Amino acid sequence: MPPRWPREPDRNDPAYRRLDDRMNFAIHVALFSATNSGVWFARLVQAQPWTWTGWLTGVWALALVAHGVYIFAIADYSTPSQNQNIKSS
């Protein structure tokens, strides 16, 4: 069952932003897992000497770690300050 949001979705709502960012991270992890396992499976089954698979895995895993660090450690989900509201007006 898909997640339900109890009120009108608004990107300015800190709780909604946090949930949205975490769902985007989950999609990122799923795409990484599916693509990476598919590439390595094809490489092993076909006995291909693909040297780029290690680079693909490493670079994408590094991007995934950076994304996770941002979502879980750096992102500020507090209420937007008055300065941000003035800039958007």
N, C-alpha and C. Protein backbone atom coordinates (compact mmCIF):
# COMPACT_ATOMS: atom_id res chain seq x y z
N MET A 1 0.84 -1.17 0.00
CA MET A 1 0.00 0.00 0.00
C MET A 1 0.89 1.24 0.00
N PRO A 2 0.63 2.17 -0.89
CA PRO A 2 1.47 3.37 -0.95
C PRO A 2 1.29 4.24 0.28
N PRO A 3 2.34 5.00 0.62
CA PRO A 3 2.22 5.88 1.78
C PRO A 3 1.18 6.97 1.52
N ARG A 4 0.46 7.34 2.57
CA ARG A 4 -0.54 8.39 2.46
C ARG A 4 -0.08 9.59 3.25
N TRP A 5 -0.36 10.74 2.71
CA TRP A 5 -0.03 11.98 3.39
C TRP A 5 -1.34 12.56 3.91
N PRO A 6 -1.43 12.89 5.21
CA PRO A 6 -2.70 13.28 5.81
C PRO A 6 -3.21 14.67 5.41
N ARG A 7 -2.39 15.45 4.75
CA ARG A 7 -2.81 16.79 4.35
C ARG A 7 -2.32 17.07 2.94
N GLU A 8 -2.62 18.25 2.44
CA GLU A 8 -2.22 18.63 1.08
C GLU A 8 -0.68 18.64 0.99
N PRO A 9 -0.09 17.89 0.06
CA PRO A 9 1.38 17.89 -0.07
C PRO A 9 1.90 19.27 -0.44
N ASP A 10 2.89 19.71 0.30
CA ASP A 10 3.50 21.02 0.06
C ASP A 10 4.99 20.91 0.32
N ARG A 11 5.79 21.24 -0.66
CA ARG A 11 7.25 21.12 -0.53
C ARG A 11 7.80 22.03 0.57
N ASN A 12 7.04 23.03 0.98
CA ASN A 12 7.49 23.91 2.07
C ASN A 12 7.26 23.28 3.44
N ASP A 13 6.51 22.21 3.52
CA ASP A 13 6.27 21.50 4.77
C ASP A 13 7.50 20.65 5.08
N PRO A 14 8.18 20.91 6.21
CA PRO A 14 9.41 20.17 6.53
C PRO A 14 9.21 18.66 6.62
N ALA A 15 8.11 18.22 7.19
CA ALA A 15 7.88 16.77 7.31
C ALA A 15 7.69 16.14 5.93
N TYR A 16 7.01 16.84 5.04
CA TYR A 16 6.81 16.33 3.68
C TYR A 16 8.14 16.29 2.92
N ARG A 17 8.96 17.33 3.07
CA ARG A 17 10.28 17.35 2.41
C ARG A 17 11.13 16.19 2.89
N ARG A 18 11.10 15.93 4.18
CA ARG A 18 11.90 14.84 4.73
C ARG A 18 11.43 13.49 4.17
N LEU A 19 10.13 13.25 4.15
CA LEU A 19 9.60 12.02 3.59
C LEU A 19 9.92 11.90 2.11
N ASP A 20 9.75 12.99 1.37
CA ASP A 20 10.03 13.00 -0.07
C ASP A 20 11.49 12.69 -0.35
N ASP A 21 12.40 13.30 0.40
CA ASP A 21 13.83 13.04 0.21
C ASP A 21 14.19 11.60 0.52
N ARG A 22 13.58 11.04 1.56
CA ARG A 22 13.87 9.65 1.92
C ARG A 22 13.30 8.67 0.88
N MET A 23 12.14 8.99 0.33
CA MET A 23 11.60 8.12 -0.73
C MET A 23 12.46 8.21 -1.98
N ASN A 24 12.95 9.40 -2.31
CA ASN A 24 13.86 9.54 -3.45
C ASN A 24 15.14 8.74 -3.21
N PHE A 25 15.64 8.74 -1.98
CA PHE A 25 16.83 7.96 -1.66
C PHE A 25 16.55 6.47 -1.82
N ALA A 26 15.38 6.02 -1.38
CA ALA A 26 15.01 4.61 -1.52
C ALA A 26 14.94 4.21 -2.99
N ILE A 27 14.42 5.08 -3.83
CA ILE A 27 14.38 4.81 -5.28
C ILE A 27 15.80 4.76 -5.83
N HIS A 28 16.66 5.63 -5.37
CA HIS A 28 18.06 5.65 -5.79
C HIS A 28 18.74 4.33 -5.43
N VAL A 29 18.50 3.84 -4.21
CA VAL A 29 19.08 2.57 -3.77
C VAL A 29 18.55 1.42 -4.63
N ALA A 30 17.24 1.44 -4.92
CA ALA A 30 16.64 0.36 -5.73
C ALA A 30 17.21 0.36 -7.14
N LEU A 31 17.34 1.53 -7.75
CA LEU A 31 17.92 1.61 -9.10
C LEU A 31 19.37 1.14 -9.11
N PHE A 32 20.13 1.54 -8.11
CA PHE A 32 21.51 1.09 -8.00
C PHE A 32 21.57 -0.43 -7.89
N SER A 33 20.76 -0.99 -7.01
CA SER A 33 20.78 -2.44 -6.79
C SER A 33 20.39 -3.21 -8.05
N ALA A 34 19.33 -2.78 -8.69
CA ALA A 34 18.86 -3.49 -9.89
C ALA A 34 19.86 -3.38 -11.03
N THR A 35 20.33 -2.18 -11.29
CA THR A 35 21.26 -1.98 -12.40
C THR A 35 22.60 -2.65 -12.14
N ASN A 36 23.12 -2.46 -10.93
CA ASN A 36 24.42 -3.02 -10.60
C ASN A 36 24.41 -4.54 -10.64
N SER A 37 23.38 -5.15 -10.07
CA SER A 37 23.33 -6.61 -10.08
C SER A 37 23.13 -7.14 -11.50
N GLY A 38 22.37 -6.42 -12.31
CA GLY A 38 22.17 -6.83 -13.70
C GLY A 38 23.45 -6.77 -14.51
N VAL A 39 24.21 -5.71 -14.33
CA VAL A 39 25.47 -5.56 -15.07
C VAL A 39 26.47 -6.64 -14.65
N TRP A 40 26.60 -6.87 -13.35
CA TRP A 40 27.54 -7.88 -12.88
C TRP A 40 27.09 -9.29 -13.27
N PHE A 41 25.78 -9.54 -13.25
CA PHE A 41 25.27 -10.84 -13.68
C PHE A 41 25.61 -11.08 -15.15
N ALA A 42 25.36 -10.08 -15.99
CA ALA A 42 25.65 -10.22 -17.42
C ALA A 42 27.15 -10.42 -17.65
N ARG A 43 27.96 -9.69 -16.88
CA ARG A 43 29.41 -9.83 -17.02
C ARG A 43 29.87 -11.24 -16.66
N LEU A 44 29.35 -11.78 -15.56
CA LEU A 44 29.78 -13.10 -15.12
C LEU A 44 29.23 -14.22 -15.99
N VAL A 45 27.98 -14.12 -16.40
CA VAL A 45 27.37 -15.18 -17.21
C VAL A 45 28.00 -15.23 -18.59
N GLN A 46 28.26 -14.09 -19.17
CA GLN A 46 28.83 -14.05 -20.52
C GLN A 46 30.35 -14.06 -20.51
N ALA A 47 30.95 -14.08 -19.34
CA ALA A 47 32.41 -14.06 -19.19
C ALA A 47 33.04 -12.92 -19.97
N GLN A 48 32.46 -11.75 -19.84
CA GLN A 48 32.96 -10.56 -20.54
C GLN A 48 34.09 -9.91 -19.73
N PRO A 49 35.10 -9.41 -20.41
CA PRO A 49 36.18 -8.72 -19.70
C PRO A 49 35.88 -7.22 -19.55
N TRP A 50 34.68 -6.90 -19.12
CA TRP A 50 34.29 -5.49 -18.97
C TRP A 50 35.04 -4.87 -17.80
N THR A 51 35.90 -3.94 -18.09
CA THR A 51 36.66 -3.28 -17.03
C THR A 51 35.87 -2.11 -16.44
N TRP A 52 34.84 -1.68 -17.11
CA TRP A 52 34.08 -0.52 -16.65
C TRP A 52 33.07 -0.87 -15.56
N THR A 53 32.80 -2.15 -15.32
CA THR A 53 31.80 -2.50 -14.31
C THR A 53 32.26 -2.11 -12.90
N GLY A 54 33.51 -2.28 -12.63
CA GLY A 54 34.03 -1.86 -11.32
C GLY A 54 33.93 -0.36 -11.13
N TRP A 55 34.24 0.39 -12.19
CA TRP A 55 34.13 1.84 -12.12
C TRP A 55 32.68 2.28 -11.95
N LEU A 56 31.79 1.64 -12.68
CA LEU A 56 30.37 1.97 -12.56
C LEU A 56 29.89 1.74 -11.13
N THR A 57 30.23 0.59 -10.59
CA THR A 57 29.82 0.27 -9.22
C THR A 57 30.42 1.25 -8.22
N GLY A 58 31.70 1.53 -8.35
CA GLY A 58 32.37 2.42 -7.41
C GLY A 58 31.86 3.84 -7.44
N VAL A 59 31.73 4.39 -8.64
CA VAL A 59 31.28 5.78 -8.77
C VAL A 59 29.83 5.91 -8.31
N TRP A 60 28.98 4.97 -8.73
CA TRP A 60 27.58 5.05 -8.35
C TRP A 60 27.41 4.82 -6.84
N ALA A 61 28.19 3.90 -6.26
CA ALA A 61 28.13 3.67 -4.82
C ALA A 61 28.59 4.91 -4.06
N LEU A 62 29.61 5.58 -4.56
CA LEU A 62 30.07 6.82 -3.93
C LEU A 62 28.98 7.89 -4.00
N ALA A 63 28.30 8.00 -5.13
CA ALA A 63 27.20 8.96 -5.26
C ALA A 63 26.06 8.58 -4.31
N LEU A 64 25.81 7.29 -4.16
CA LEU A 64 24.77 6.82 -3.25
C LEU A 64 25.12 7.14 -1.80
N VAL A 65 26.35 6.96 -1.43
CA VAL A 65 26.79 7.30 -0.08
C VAL A 65 26.67 8.80 0.16
N ALA A 66 27.08 9.60 -0.82
CA ALA A 66 26.96 11.05 -0.69
C ALA A 66 25.50 11.47 -0.54
N HIS A 67 24.64 10.86 -1.32
CA HIS A 67 23.22 11.14 -1.23
C HIS A 67 22.69 10.78 0.16
N GLY A 68 23.08 9.63 0.67
CA GLY A 68 22.66 9.20 2.00
C GLY A 68 23.17 10.11 3.10
N VAL A 69 24.42 10.52 3.00
CA VAL A 69 24.99 11.44 3.99
C VAL A 69 24.22 12.75 3.99
N TYR A 70 23.90 13.25 2.80
CA TYR A 70 23.15 14.50 2.73
C TYR A 70 21.77 14.34 3.36
N ILE A 71 21.06 13.28 3.00
CA ILE A 71 19.69 13.07 3.48
C ILE A 71 19.65 12.86 4.98
N PHE A 72 20.54 12.03 5.51
CA PHE A 72 20.45 11.64 6.91
C PHE A 72 21.29 12.49 7.86
N ALA A 73 22.24 13.28 7.36
CA ALA A 73 23.10 14.03 8.26
C ALA A 73 23.13 15.54 8.00
N ILE A 74 23.03 15.95 6.76
CA ILE A 74 23.25 17.36 6.44
C ILE A 74 21.95 18.13 6.23
N ALA A 75 20.97 17.53 5.60
CA ALA A 75 19.74 18.24 5.23
C ALA A 75 19.05 18.84 6.45
N ASP A 76 18.62 20.08 6.29
CA ASP A 76 17.93 20.81 7.35
C ASP A 76 16.45 20.84 7.01
N TYR A 77 15.65 20.17 7.82
CA TYR A 77 14.22 20.10 7.56
C TYR A 77 13.42 20.99 8.50
N SER A 78 14.07 22.00 9.02
CA SER A 78 13.35 22.92 9.89
C SER A 78 12.48 23.84 9.03
N THR A 79 11.61 24.58 9.68
CA THR A 79 10.72 25.49 8.98
C THR A 79 11.55 26.56 8.28
N PRO A 80 11.20 26.90 7.03
CA PRO A 80 11.96 27.93 6.32
C PRO A 80 11.96 29.25 7.09
N SER A 81 13.10 29.93 7.07
CA SER A 81 13.21 31.20 7.80
C SER A 81 12.52 32.33 7.05
N GLN A 82 12.39 33.43 7.70
CA GLN A 82 11.75 34.60 7.09
C GLN A 82 12.55 35.08 5.88
N ASN A 83 13.87 34.93 5.92
CA ASN A 83 14.69 35.37 4.80
C ASN A 83 14.36 34.60 3.53
N GLN A 84 14.13 33.33 3.64
CA GLN A 84 13.80 32.53 2.47
C GLN A 84 12.42 32.91 1.94
N ASN A 85 11.48 33.26 2.83
CA ASN A 85 10.16 33.66 2.38
C ASN A 85 10.20 35.00 1.64
N ILE A 86 11.07 35.90 2.07
CA ILE A 86 11.19 37.19 1.40
C ILE A 86 11.81 37.02 0.02
N LYS A 87 12.81 36.14 -0.10
CA LYS A 87 13.45 35.91 -1.40
C LYS A 87 12.50 35.32 -2.41
N SER A 88 11.59 34.46 -1.97
CA SER A 88 10.68 33.81 -2.91
C SER A 88 9.52 34.70 -3.32
N SER A 89 9.30 35.80 -2.61
CA SER A 89 8.17 36.70 -2.94
C SER A 89 8.48 37.57 -4.12
